[in-house]
């Protein structure tokens, strides 16, 4: 019965569920976050796009680490 009603969702109903209900679901069940994230990545992004985003995130993290190290050295008088 539930499966049949899920299959009969309109596009608008599905979008409502994603926008309105998904955040609460992930708050209640954080273990589902990775599963949902992978679904969206598989559905919405190509491998090249994901690789580019990951490279950008790594660069930002490296820049942040360098800035923190520089700040620490300045603060410590090194």
N, C-alpha and C. Protein backbone atom coordinates (compact mmCIF):
# COMPACT_ATOMS: atom_id res chain seq x y z
N UNK A 1 0.81 -1.19 0.00
CA UNK A 1 0.00 0.00 0.00
C UNK A 1 0.86 1.26 0.00
N UNK A 2 1.85 1.33 0.91
CA UNK A 2 2.72 2.51 0.94
C UNK A 2 3.49 2.61 -0.36
N UNK A 3 4.00 1.48 -0.84
CA UNK A 3 4.77 1.49 -2.09
C UNK A 3 3.94 2.03 -3.24
N UNK A 4 2.67 1.64 -3.32
CA UNK A 4 1.79 2.13 -4.38
C UNK A 4 1.58 3.63 -4.28
N UNK A 5 1.42 4.17 -3.07
CA UNK A 5 1.22 5.61 -2.94
C UNK A 5 2.51 6.37 -3.22
N UNK A 6 3.66 5.78 -2.91
CA UNK A 6 4.92 6.42 -3.25
C UNK A 6 5.07 6.51 -4.76
N UNK A 7 4.70 5.45 -5.46
CA UNK A 7 4.82 5.44 -6.91
C UNK A 7 3.85 6.41 -7.58
N UNK A 8 2.80 6.80 -6.88
CA UNK A 8 1.83 7.70 -7.49
C UNK A 8 2.05 9.16 -7.09
N UNK A 9 3.18 9.48 -6.46
CA UNK A 9 3.48 10.86 -6.11
C UNK A 9 3.61 11.71 -7.37
N UNK A 10 3.09 12.92 -7.29
CA UNK A 10 3.32 13.86 -8.39
C UNK A 10 4.72 14.45 -8.23
N UNK A 11 5.21 15.10 -9.25
CA UNK A 11 6.52 15.74 -9.16
C UNK A 11 6.53 16.78 -8.05
N UNK A 12 5.46 17.55 -7.93
CA UNK A 12 5.37 18.57 -6.89
C UNK A 12 5.38 17.95 -5.49
N UNK A 13 4.71 16.83 -5.31
CA UNK A 13 4.71 16.16 -4.02
C UNK A 13 6.11 15.65 -3.67
N UNK A 14 6.79 15.12 -4.65
CA UNK A 14 8.15 14.64 -4.42
C UNK A 14 9.07 15.80 -4.04
N UNK A 15 8.96 16.92 -4.75
CA UNK A 15 9.78 18.09 -4.41
C UNK A 15 9.45 18.59 -3.00
N UNK A 16 8.19 18.57 -2.64
CA UNK A 16 7.80 18.98 -1.29
C UNK A 16 8.48 18.09 -0.24
N UNK A 17 8.46 16.81 -0.49
CA UNK A 17 9.09 15.87 0.45
C UNK A 17 10.58 16.16 0.57
N UNK A 18 11.23 16.38 -0.57
CA UNK A 18 12.67 16.64 -0.55
C UNK A 18 12.99 17.96 0.16
N UNK A 19 12.22 18.99 -0.12
CA UNK A 19 12.49 20.30 0.47
C UNK A 19 12.07 20.40 1.93
N UNK A 20 10.92 19.84 2.24
CA UNK A 20 10.34 20.05 3.56
C UNK A 20 10.67 18.93 4.55
N UNK A 21 10.68 17.72 4.08
CA UNK A 21 10.80 16.57 4.99
C UNK A 21 12.21 16.01 5.10
N UNK A 22 13.00 16.14 4.03
CA UNK A 22 14.34 15.55 4.04
C UNK A 22 15.23 16.11 5.15
N UNK A 23 15.26 17.42 5.38
CA UNK A 23 16.11 17.92 6.48
C UNK A 23 15.76 17.30 7.84
N UNK A 24 14.48 17.18 8.13
CA UNK A 24 14.06 16.56 9.39
C UNK A 24 14.45 15.09 9.47
N UNK A 25 14.29 14.40 8.36
CA UNK A 25 14.68 12.99 8.31
C UNK A 25 16.16 12.83 8.62
N UNK A 26 16.98 13.69 8.04
CA UNK A 26 18.43 13.59 8.27
C UNK A 26 18.80 14.00 9.69
N UNK A 27 18.02 14.92 10.28
CA UNK A 27 18.26 15.26 11.69
C UNK A 27 17.95 14.06 12.59
N UNK A 28 16.87 13.37 12.28
CA UNK A 28 16.47 12.21 13.10
C UNK A 28 17.33 10.99 12.84
N UNK A 29 17.82 10.86 11.61
CA UNK A 29 18.60 9.68 11.21
C UNK A 29 19.87 10.12 10.47
N UNK A 30 20.85 10.66 11.20
CA UNK A 30 22.07 11.16 10.54
C UNK A 30 22.83 10.07 9.79
N UNK A 31 22.60 8.83 10.14
CA UNK A 31 23.28 7.73 9.43
C UNK A 31 22.82 7.63 7.98
N UNK A 32 21.72 8.24 7.64
CA UNK A 32 21.21 8.20 6.26
C UNK A 32 21.82 9.30 5.38
N UNK A 33 22.54 10.23 6.00
CA UNK A 33 23.09 11.37 5.27
C UNK A 33 23.97 10.92 4.10
N UNK A 34 24.87 9.99 4.35
CA UNK A 34 25.78 9.53 3.28
C UNK A 34 24.99 8.87 2.14
N UNK A 35 24.01 8.08 2.48
CA UNK A 35 23.19 7.40 1.47
C UNK A 35 22.47 8.41 0.58
N UNK A 36 21.88 9.43 1.21
CA UNK A 36 21.16 10.46 0.46
C UNK A 36 22.14 11.28 -0.37
N UNK A 37 23.28 11.63 0.23
CA UNK A 37 24.28 12.41 -0.49
C UNK A 37 24.76 11.67 -1.73
N UNK A 38 25.03 10.38 -1.59
CA UNK A 38 25.49 9.61 -2.74
C UNK A 38 24.42 9.52 -3.82
N UNK A 39 23.17 9.41 -3.42
CA UNK A 39 22.08 9.40 -4.38
C UNK A 39 22.06 10.69 -5.19
N UNK A 40 22.18 11.83 -4.50
CA UNK A 40 22.18 13.10 -5.21
C UNK A 40 23.42 13.25 -6.08
N UNK A 41 24.56 12.85 -5.57
CA UNK A 41 25.78 12.95 -6.37
C UNK A 41 25.65 12.08 -7.63
N UNK A 42 25.19 10.85 -7.45
CA UNK A 42 25.04 9.96 -8.60
C UNK A 42 24.03 10.51 -9.60
N UNK A 43 23.02 11.16 -9.11
CA UNK A 43 21.95 11.65 -9.96
C UNK A 43 22.28 12.98 -10.62
N UNK A 44 22.93 13.87 -9.89
CA UNK A 44 23.07 15.25 -10.34
C UNK A 44 24.45 15.64 -10.86
N UNK A 45 25.48 14.94 -10.46
CA UNK A 45 26.82 15.37 -10.82
C UNK A 45 27.58 14.29 -11.58
N UNK A 46 28.33 14.75 -12.56
CA UNK A 46 29.21 13.83 -13.28
C UNK A 46 30.50 13.66 -12.47
N UNK A 47 31.21 12.59 -12.74
CA UNK A 47 32.45 12.30 -12.02
C UNK A 47 33.44 13.45 -12.11
N UNK A 48 33.54 14.08 -13.29
CA UNK A 48 34.47 15.19 -13.48
C UNK A 48 34.10 16.36 -12.58
N UNK A 49 32.81 16.63 -12.45
CA UNK A 49 32.36 17.74 -11.61
C UNK A 49 32.68 17.46 -10.14
N UNK A 50 32.43 16.25 -9.70
CA UNK A 50 32.73 15.88 -8.32
C UNK A 50 34.23 15.97 -8.07
N UNK A 51 35.04 15.51 -9.01
CA UNK A 51 36.50 15.58 -8.86
C UNK A 51 36.96 17.03 -8.76
N UNK A 52 36.39 17.90 -9.57
CA UNK A 52 36.76 19.32 -9.54
C UNK A 52 36.37 19.95 -8.20
N UNK A 53 35.20 19.63 -7.72
CA UNK A 53 34.75 20.16 -6.43
C UNK A 53 35.64 19.66 -5.31
N UNK A 54 35.97 18.38 -5.33
CA UNK A 54 36.83 17.83 -4.29
C UNK A 54 38.22 18.47 -4.32
N UNK A 55 38.76 18.71 -5.51
CA UNK A 55 40.07 19.36 -5.63
C UNK A 55 40.01 20.78 -5.06
N UNK A 56 38.92 21.47 -5.34
CA UNK A 56 38.75 22.82 -4.81
C UNK A 56 38.65 22.81 -3.29
N UNK A 57 37.91 21.86 -2.74
CA UNK A 57 37.81 21.75 -1.29
C UNK A 57 39.16 21.44 -0.65
N UNK A 58 39.94 20.56 -1.30
CA UNK A 58 41.27 20.26 -0.77
C UNK A 58 42.16 21.50 -0.77
N UNK A 59 42.08 22.29 -1.85
CA UNK A 59 42.88 23.52 -1.93
C UNK A 59 42.46 24.51 -0.85
N UNK A 60 41.17 24.64 -0.63
CA UNK A 60 40.69 25.54 0.42
C UNK A 60 41.16 25.09 1.79
N UNK A 61 41.11 23.79 2.02
CA UNK A 61 41.55 23.25 3.30
C UNK A 61 43.06 23.50 3.48
N UNK A 62 43.83 23.33 2.41
CA UNK A 62 45.27 23.57 2.49
C UNK A 62 45.55 25.05 2.75
N UNK A 63 44.82 25.94 2.07
CA UNK A 63 44.97 27.38 2.30
C UNK A 63 44.63 27.73 3.74
N UNK A 64 43.57 27.14 4.26
CA UNK A 64 43.16 27.39 5.63
C UNK A 64 44.22 26.93 6.62
N UNK A 65 44.79 25.75 6.37
CA UNK A 65 45.84 25.23 7.24
C UNK A 65 47.06 26.15 7.22
N UNK A 66 47.42 26.63 6.04
CA UNK A 66 48.56 27.54 5.90
C UNK A 66 48.29 28.84 6.65
N UNK A 67 47.09 29.38 6.51
CA UNK A 67 46.73 30.62 7.20
C UNK A 67 46.77 30.43 8.71
N UNK A 68 46.25 29.32 9.20
CA UNK A 68 46.28 29.06 10.64
C UNK A 68 47.71 28.93 11.15
N UNK A 69 48.55 28.24 10.38
CA UNK A 69 49.95 28.07 10.77
C UNK A 69 50.65 29.42 10.80
N UNK A 70 50.38 30.26 9.81
CA UNK A 70 50.98 31.59 9.74
C UNK A 70 50.53 32.44 10.93
N UNK A 71 49.25 32.37 11.24
CA UNK A 71 48.71 33.12 12.36
C UNK A 71 49.34 32.64 13.67
N UNK A 72 49.47 31.35 13.83
CA UNK A 72 50.07 30.77 15.04
C UNK A 72 51.52 31.23 15.17
N UNK A 73 52.26 31.21 14.06
CA UNK A 73 53.66 31.64 14.09
C UNK A 73 53.77 33.13 14.45
N UNK A 74 52.88 33.94 13.89
CA UNK A 74 52.88 35.37 14.18
C UNK A 74 52.57 35.61 15.66
N UNK A 75 51.54 34.89 16.15
CA UNK A 75 51.14 35.06 17.54
C UNK A 75 52.24 34.62 18.50
N UNK A 76 52.94 33.56 18.16
CA UNK A 76 54.00 33.03 19.02
C UNK A 76 55.33 33.76 18.84
N UNK A 77 55.38 34.68 17.89
CA UNK A 77 56.61 35.46 17.65
C UNK A 77 57.64 34.74 16.85
N UNK A 78 57.24 33.68 16.13
CA UNK A 78 58.20 32.91 15.34
C UNK A 78 58.39 33.50 13.98
